[in-house]
Amino acid sequence: MTVRAVLVYCQCGHHTALEAHRWRDEVRLSDIEPRFVCAGCGGRGADLRPDFNRGNPQLAIIGMKKGRPRGALN
């Protein structure tokens, strides 16, 4: 299954949803997680999750509320 969008979470609480078309199909999420730099805290690395609902930012917020103290990079 091809991921069309991803939810990106930073440990500081920032989060976002991104379209995944910029990466080739064979790229694994774990391979690109270390490349992210948070615009809020400047931290490197992120937790990426497949977004099967295609870039809905509300899902990033819901994901954080379900016990993950993480947010994605803005």
PDB file of N, CA and C in Angstrom:
ATOM      1  N   MET A   1       0.849  -1.178   0.000  1.00  0.00           N
ATOM      2  CA  MET A   1       0.000   0.000   0.000  1.00  0.00           C
ATOM      3  C   MET A   1       0.893   1.239   0.000  1.00  0.00           C
ATOM      4  N   THR A   2       0.617   2.160  -0.850  1.00  0.00           N
ATOM      5  CA  THR A   2       1.371   3.404  -0.951  1.00  0.00           C
ATOM      6  C   THR A   2       0.782   4.448  -0.019  1.00  0.00           C
ATOM      7  N   VAL A   3       1.633   5.063   0.773  1.00  0.00           N
ATOM      8  CA  VAL A   3       1.199   6.131   1.679  1.00  0.00           C
ATOM      9  C   VAL A   3       1.132   7.425   0.882  1.00  0.00           C
ATOM     10  N   ARG A   4       0.010   8.105   0.924  1.00  0.00           N
ATOM     11  CA  ARG A   4      -0.184   9.351   0.187  1.00  0.00           C
ATOM     12  C   ARG A   4       0.117  10.593   1.032  1.00  0.00           C
ATOM     13  N   ALA A   5       0.082  10.443   2.352  1.00  0.00           N
ATOM     14  CA  ALA A   5       0.359  11.564   3.251  1.00  0.00           C
ATOM     15  C   ALA A   5       0.899  11.002   4.554  1.00  0.00           C
ATOM     16  N   VAL A   6       1.575  11.860   5.328  1.00  0.00           N
ATOM     17  CA  VAL A   6       2.129  11.445   6.616  1.00  0.00           C
ATOM     18  C   VAL A   6       1.779  12.468   7.685  1.00  0.00           C
ATOM     19  N   LEU A   7       1.683  11.988   8.906  1.00  0.00           N
ATOM     20  CA  LEU A   7       1.534  12.844  10.079  1.00  0.00           C
ATOM     21  C   LEU A   7       2.913  12.912  10.712  1.00  0.00           C
ATOM     22  N   VAL A   8       3.385  14.129  10.989  1.00  0.00           N
ATOM     23  CA  VAL A   8       4.734  14.347  11.499  1.00  0.00           C
ATOM     24  C   VAL A   8       4.621  14.930  12.907  1.00  0.00           C
ATOM     25  N   TYR A   9       5.296  14.280  13.873  1.00  0.00           N
ATOM     26  CA  TYR A   9       5.234  14.699  15.270  1.00  0.00           C
ATOM     27  C   TYR A   9       6.628  14.991  15.804  1.00  0.00           C
ATOM     28  N   CYS A  10       6.787  16.123  16.484  1.00  0.00           N
ATOM     29  CA  CYS A  10       8.030  16.460  17.172  1.00  0.00           C
ATOM     30  C   CYS A  10       7.827  16.214  18.669  1.00  0.00           C
ATOM     31  N   GLN A  11       8.893  15.947  19.381  1.00  0.00           N
ATOM     32  CA  GLN A  11       8.789  15.700  20.821  1.00  0.00           C
ATOM     33  C   GLN A  11       8.340  16.931  21.596  1.00  0.00           C
ATOM     34  N   CYS A  12       8.509  18.133  21.033  1.00  0.00           N
ATOM     35  CA  CYS A  12       8.131  19.363  21.747  1.00  0.00           C
ATOM     36  C   CYS A  12       6.639  19.645  21.697  1.00  0.00           C
ATOM     37  N   GLY A  13       5.913  18.950  20.838  1.00  0.00           N
ATOM     38  CA  GLY A  13       4.470  19.160  20.750  1.00  0.00           C
ATOM     39  C   GLY A  13       3.998  19.706  19.418  1.00  0.00           C
ATOM     40  N   HIS A  14       4.898  20.134  18.553  1.00  0.00           N
ATOM     41  CA  HIS A  14       4.488  20.594  17.226  1.00  0.00           C
ATOM     42  C   HIS A  14       4.117  19.400  16.353  1.00  0.00           C
ATOM     43  N   HIS A  15       3.201  19.613  15.436  1.00  0.00           N
ATOM     44  CA  HIS A  15       2.749  18.545  14.552  1.00  0.00           C
ATOM     45  C   HIS A  15       2.208  19.129  13.269  1.00  0.00           C
ATOM     46  N   THR A  16       2.185  18.321  12.235  1.00  0.00           N
ATOM     47  CA  THR A  16       1.617  18.732  10.964  1.00  0.00           C
ATOM     48  C   THR A  16       1.300  17.499  10.136  1.00  0.00           C
ATOM     49  N   ALA A  17       0.558  17.703   9.070  1.00  0.00           N
ATOM     50  CA  ALA A  17       0.270  16.654   8.095  1.00  0.00           C
ATOM     51  C   ALA A  17       0.869  17.097   6.764  1.00  0.00           C
ATOM     52  N   LEU A  18       1.570  16.196   6.091  1.00  0.00           N
ATOM     53  CA  LEU A  18       2.228  16.512   4.821  1.00  0.00           C
ATOM     54  C   LEU A  18       1.838  15.514   3.745  1.00  0.00           C
ATOM     55  N   GLU A  19       1.759  15.996   2.519  1.00  0.00           N
ATOM     56  CA  GLU A  19       1.590  15.102   1.380  1.00  0.00           C
ATOM     57  C   GLU A  19       2.892  14.347   1.183  1.00  0.00           C
ATOM     58  N   ALA A  20       2.826  13.089   0.810  1.00  0.00           N
ATOM     59  CA  ALA A  20       4.023  12.250   0.708  1.00  0.00           C
ATOM     60  C   ALA A  20       4.528  12.104  -0.724  1.00  0.00           C
ATOM     61  N   HIS A  21       3.971  12.824  -1.669  1.00  0.00           N
ATOM     62  CA  HIS A  21       4.370  12.671  -3.070  1.00  0.00           C
ATOM     63  C   HIS A  21       5.821  13.081  -3.323  1.00  0.00           C
ATOM     64  N   ARG A  22       6.435  13.834  -2.411  1.00  0.00           N
ATOM     65  CA  ARG A  22       7.822  14.289  -2.592  1.00  0.00           C
ATOM     66  C   ARG A  22       8.834  13.157  -2.442  1.00  0.00           C
ATOM     67  N   TRP A  23       8.423  12.025  -1.839  1.00  0.00           N
ATOM     68  CA  TRP A  23       9.326  10.896  -1.643  1.00  0.00           C
ATOM     69  C   TRP A  23       8.934   9.736  -2.557  1.00  0.00           C
ATOM     70  N   ARG A  24       9.954   8.993  -3.008  1.00  0.00           N
ATOM     71  CA  ARG A  24       9.704   7.814  -3.848  1.00  0.00           C
ATOM     72  C   ARG A  24       8.947   6.761  -3.052  1.00  0.00           C
ATOM     73  N   ASP A  25       8.248   5.893  -3.737  1.00  0.00           N
ATOM     74  CA  ASP A  25       7.450   4.859  -3.081  1.00  0.00           C
ATOM     75  C   ASP A  25       8.281   3.916  -2.211  1.00  0.00           C
ATOM     76  N   GLU A  26       9.528   3.673  -2.595  1.00  0.00           N
ATOM     77  CA  GLU A  26      10.334   2.718  -1.834  1.00  0.00           C
ATOM     78  C   GLU A  26      11.002   3.321  -0.591  1.00  0.00           C
ATOM     79  N   VAL A  27      10.843   4.623  -0.350  1.00  0.00           N
ATOM     80  CA  VAL A  27      11.419   5.259   0.832  1.00  0.00           C
ATOM     81  C   VAL A  27      10.601   4.862   2.056  1.00  0.00           C
ATOM     82  N   ARG A  28      11.308   4.421   3.108  1.00  0.00           N
ATOM     83  CA  ARG A  28      10.646   4.051   4.356  1.00  0.00           C
ATOM     84  C   ARG A  28      10.554   5.274   5.261  1.00  0.00           C
ATOM     85  N   LEU A  29       9.486   5.368   6.034  1.00  0.00           N
ATOM     86  CA  LEU A  29       9.306   6.504   6.938  1.00  0.00           C
ATOM     87  C   LEU A  29      10.465   6.595   7.925  1.00  0.00           C
ATOM     88  N   SER A  30      10.940   5.476   8.400  1.00  0.00           N
ATOM     89  CA  SER A  30      12.045   5.486   9.361  1.00  0.00           C
ATOM     90  C   SER A  30      13.333   6.042   8.743  1.00  0.00           C
ATOM     91  N   ASP A  31      13.451   5.995   7.428  1.00  0.00           N
ATOM     92  CA  ASP A  31      14.637   6.542   6.755  1.00  0.00           C
ATOM     93  C   ASP A  31      14.623   8.067   6.701  1.00  0.00           C
ATOM     94  N   ILE A  32      13.444   8.675   6.684  1.00  0.00           N
ATOM     95  CA  ILE A  32      13.381  10.135   6.563  1.00  0.00           C
ATOM     96  C   ILE A  32      13.103  10.845   7.889  1.00  0.00           C
ATOM     97  N   GLU A  33      12.725  10.115   8.926  1.00  0.00           N
ATOM     98  CA  GLU A  33      12.448  10.740  10.230  1.00  0.00           C
ATOM     99  C   GLU A  33      13.604  11.600  10.732  1.00  0.00           C
ATOM    100  N   PRO A  34      14.865  11.154  10.643  1.00  0.00           N
ATOM    101  CA  PRO A  34      15.969  11.970  11.180  1.00  0.00           C
ATOM    102  C   PRO A  34      16.221  13.268  10.412  1.00  0.00           C
ATOM    103  N   ARG A  35      15.676  13.409   9.223  1.00  0.00           N
ATOM    104  CA  ARG A  35      15.918  14.591   8.391  1.00  0.00           C
ATOM    105  C   ARG A  35      15.094  15.808   8.789  1.00  0.00           C
ATOM    106  N   PHE A  36      14.054  15.611   9.567  1.00  0.00           N
ATOM    107  CA  PHE A  36      13.169  16.712   9.915  1.00  0.00           C
ATOM    108  C   PHE A  36      13.781  17.599  10.992  1.00  0.00           C
ATOM    109  N   VAL A  37      13.592  18.909  10.848  1.00  0.00           N
ATOM    110  CA  VAL A  37      14.002  19.891  11.854  1.00  0.00           C
ATOM    111  C   VAL A  37      12.753  20.687  12.229  1.00  0.00           C
ATOM    112  N   CYS A  38      12.448  20.738  13.510  1.00  0.00           N
ATOM    113  CA  CYS A  38      11.237  21.410  13.984  1.00  0.00           C
ATOM    114  C   CYS A  38      11.394  22.926  13.901  1.00  0.00           C
ATOM    115  N   ALA A  39      10.415  23.587  13.324  1.00  0.00           N
ATOM    116  CA  ALA A  39      10.426  25.048  13.236  1.00  0.00           C
ATOM    117  C   ALA A  39      10.143  25.686  14.600  1.00  0.00           C
ATOM    118  N   GLY A  40       9.550  24.935  15.513  1.00  0.00           N
ATOM    119  CA  GLY A  40       9.227  25.477  16.824  1.00  0.00           C
ATOM    120  C   GLY A  40      10.387  25.432  17.797  1.00  0.00           C
ATOM    121  N   CYS A  41      11.023  24.263  17.925  1.00  0.00           N
ATOM    122  CA  CYS A  41      12.074  24.109  18.939  1.00  0.00           C
ATOM    123  C   CYS A  41      13.466  23.917  18.334  1.00  0.00           C
ATOM    124  N   GLY A  42      13.539  23.672  17.031  1.00  0.00           N
ATOM    125  CA  GLY A  42      14.828  23.442  16.381  1.00  0.00           C
ATOM    126  C   GLY A  42      15.342  22.023  16.544  1.00  0.00           C
ATOM    127  N   GLY A  43      14.535  21.181  17.194  1.00  0.00           N
ATOM    128  CA  GLY A  43      14.942  19.791  17.413  1.00  0.00           C
ATOM    129  C   GLY A  43      15.014  19.006  16.108  1.00  0.00           C
ATOM    130  N   ARG A  44      15.931  18.059  16.067  1.00  0.00           N
ATOM    131  CA  ARG A  44      16.079  17.214  14.892  1.00  0.00           C
ATOM    132  C   ARG A  44      15.397  15.881  15.131  1.00  0.00           C
ATOM    133  N   GLY A  45      14.871  15.334  14.048  1.00  0.00           N
ATOM    134  CA  GLY A  45      14.176  14.059  14.126  1.00  0.00           C
ATOM    135  C   GLY A  45      12.696  14.259  14.362  1.00  0.00           C
ATOM    136  N   ALA A  46      11.921  13.271  13.983  1.00  0.00           N
ATOM    137  CA  ALA A  46      10.475  13.342  14.132  1.00  0.00           C
ATOM    138  C   ALA A  46       9.912  11.938  14.128  1.00  0.00           C
ATOM    139  N   ASP A  47       8.692  11.820  14.570  1.00  0.00           N
ATOM    140  CA  ASP A  47       7.966  10.564  14.521  1.00  0.00           C
ATOM    141  C   ASP A  47       6.961  10.690  13.376  1.00  0.00           C
ATOM    142  N   LEU A  48       7.119   9.898  12.330  1.00  0.00           N
ATOM    143  CA  LEU A  48       6.222   9.942  11.175  1.00  0.00           C
ATOM    144  C   LEU A  48       5.280   8.750  11.205  1.00  0.00           C
ATOM    145  N   ARG A  49       4.032   9.009  10.893  1.00  0.00           N
ATOM    146  CA  ARG A  49       3.001   7.975  10.835  1.00  0.00           C
ATOM    147  C   ARG A  49       2.270   8.095   9.509  1.00  0.00           C
ATOM    148  N   PRO A  50       1.867   6.979   8.917  1.00  0.00           N
ATOM    149  CA  PRO A  50       1.060   7.052   7.694  1.00  0.00           C
ATOM    150  C   PRO A  50      -0.248   7.779   7.983  1.00  0.00           C
ATOM    151  N   ASP A  51      -0.672   8.600   7.060  1.00  0.00           N
ATOM    152  CA  ASP A  51      -1.944   9.322   7.175  1.00  0.00           C
ATOM    153  C   ASP A  51      -2.859   8.800   6.081  1.00  0.00           C
ATOM    154  N   PHE A  52      -3.636   7.806   6.411  1.00  0.00           N
ATOM    155  CA  PHE A  52      -4.511   7.190   5.419  1.00  0.00           C
ATOM    156  C   PHE A  52      -5.716   8.059   5.082  1.00  0.00           C
ATOM    157  N   ASN A  53      -5.918   9.148   5.830  1.00  0.00           N
ATOM    158  CA  ASN A  53      -6.995  10.094   5.538  1.00  0.00           C
ATOM    159  C   ASN A  53      -6.480  11.330   4.820  1.00  0.00           C
ATOM    160  N   ARG A  54      -5.291  11.253   4.258  1.00  0.00           N
ATOM    161  CA  ARG A  54      -4.674  12.245   3.372  1.00  0.00           C
ATOM    162  C   ARG A  54      -4.583  13.653   3.914  1.00  0.00           C
ATOM    163  N   GLY A  55      -3.677  13.883   4.813  1.00  0.00           N
ATOM    164  CA  GLY A  55      -3.305  15.230   5.198  1.00  0.00           C
ATOM    165  C   GLY A  55      -4.291  15.991   6.052  1.00  0.00           C
ATOM    166  N   ASN A  56      -5.112  15.311   6.822  1.00  0.00           N
ATOM    167  CA  ASN A  56      -6.064  15.987   7.699  1.00  0.00           C
ATOM    168  C   ASN A  56      -5.338  16.422   8.978  1.00  0.00           C
ATOM    169  N   PRO A  57      -5.046  17.737   9.147  1.00  0.00           N
ATOM    170  CA  PRO A  57      -4.302  18.188  10.324  1.00  0.00           C
ATOM    171  C   PRO A  57      -4.996  17.872  11.645  1.00  0.00           C
ATOM    172  N   GLN A  58      -6.310  17.721  11.643  1.00  0.00           N
ATOM    173  CA  GLN A  58      -7.026  17.391  12.872  1.00  0.00           C
ATOM    174  C   GLN A  58      -6.614  16.025  13.394  1.00  0.00           C
ATOM    175  N   LEU A  59      -6.232  15.101  12.504  1.00  0.00           N
ATOM    176  CA  LEU A  59      -5.789  13.793  12.955  1.00  0.00           C
ATOM    177  C   LEU A  59      -4.462  13.878  13.679  1.00  0.00           C
ATOM    178  N   ALA A  60      -3.613  14.798  13.301  1.00  0.00           N
ATOM    179  CA  ALA A  60      -2.350  14.990  14.008  1.00  0.00           C
ATOM    180  C   ALA A  60      -2.638  15.421  15.445  1.00  0.00           C
ATOM    181  N   ILE A  61      -3.611  16.282  15.625  1.00  0.00           N
ATOM    182  CA  ILE A  61      -3.968  16.754  16.966  1.00  0.00           C
ATOM    183  C   ILE A  61      -4.588  15.611  17.765  1.00  0.00           C
ATOM    184  N   ILE A  62      -5.479  14.849  17.145  1.00  0.00           N
ATOM    185  CA  ILE A  62      -6.108  13.720  17.829  1.00  0.00           C
ATOM    186  C   ILE A  62      -5.048  12.713  18.252  1.00  0.00           C
ATOM    187  N   GLY A  63      -4.095  12.443  17.369  1.00  0.00           N
ATOM    188  CA  GLY A  63      -3.030  11.503  17.692  1.00  0.00           C
ATOM    189  C   GLY A  63      -2.259  11.934  18.924  1.00  0.00           C
ATOM    190  N   MET A  64      -2.035  13.219  19.074  1.00  0.00           N
ATOM    191  CA  MET A  64      -1.317  13.731  20.224  1.00  0.00           C
ATOM    192  C   MET A  64      -2.152  13.570  21.486  1.00  0.00           C
ATOM    193  N   LYS A  65      -3.445  13.756  21.392  1.00  0.00           N
ATOM    194  CA  LYS A  65      -4.316  13.673  22.553  1.00  0.00           C
ATOM    195  C   LYS A  65      -4.467  12.243  23.052  1.00  0.00           C
ATOM    196  N   LYS A  66      -4.181  11.268  22.204  1.00  0.00           N
ATOM    197  CA  LYS A  66      -4.350   9.874  22.602  1.00  0.00           C
ATOM    198  C   LYS A  66      -3.139   9.351  23.358  1.00  0.00           C
ATOM    199  N   GLY A  67      -2.399  10.237  24.002  1.00  0.00           N
ATOM    200  CA  GLY A  67      -1.335   9.788  24.869  1.00  0.00           C
ATOM    201  C   GLY A  67       0.054   9.960  24.290  1.00  0.00           C
ATOM    202  N   ARG A  68       0.189  10.414  23.083  1.00  0.00           N
ATOM    203  CA  ARG A  68       1.500  10.642  22.509  1.00  0.00           C
ATOM    204  C   ARG A  68       1.857  12.103  22.731  1.00  0.00           C
ATOM    205  N   PRO A  69       2.796  12.407  23.589  1.00  0.00           N
ATOM    206  CA  PRO A  69       3.158  13.801  23.835  1.00  0.00           C
ATOM    207  C   PRO A  69       4.044  14.347  22.736  1.00  0.00           C
ATOM    208  N   ARG A  70       3.604  14.163  21.528  1.00  0.00           N
ATOM    209  CA  ARG A  70       4.398  14.599  20.383  1.00  0.00           C
ATOM    210  C   ARG A  70       3.554  15.446  19.454  1.00  0.00           C
ATOM    211  N   GLY A  71       4.208  16.279  18.682  1.00  0.00           N
ATOM    212  CA  GLY A  71       3.553  17.079  17.678  1.00  0.00           C
ATOM    213  C   GLY A  71       4.462  17.151  16.471  1.00  0.00           C
ATOM    214  N   ALA A  72       3.942  17.519  15.338  1.00  0.00           N
ATOM    215  CA  ALA A  72       4.743  17.485  14.125  1.00  0.00           C
ATOM    216  C   ALA A  72       5.333  18.840  13.811  1.00  0.00           C
ATOM    217  N   LEU A  73       6.214  18.830  12.894  1.00  0.00           N
ATOM    218  CA  LEU A  73       6.981  20.003  12.551  1.00  0.00           C
ATOM    219  C   LEU A  73       6.193  20.947  11.660  1.00  0.00           C
ATOM    220  N   ASN A  74       6.192  22.192  11.993  1.00  0.00           N
ATOM    221  CA  ASN A  74       5.510  23.198  11.184  1.00  0.00           C
ATOM    222  C   ASN A  74       6.495  23.935  10.345  1.00  0.00           C
TER     223      ASN A  74
END
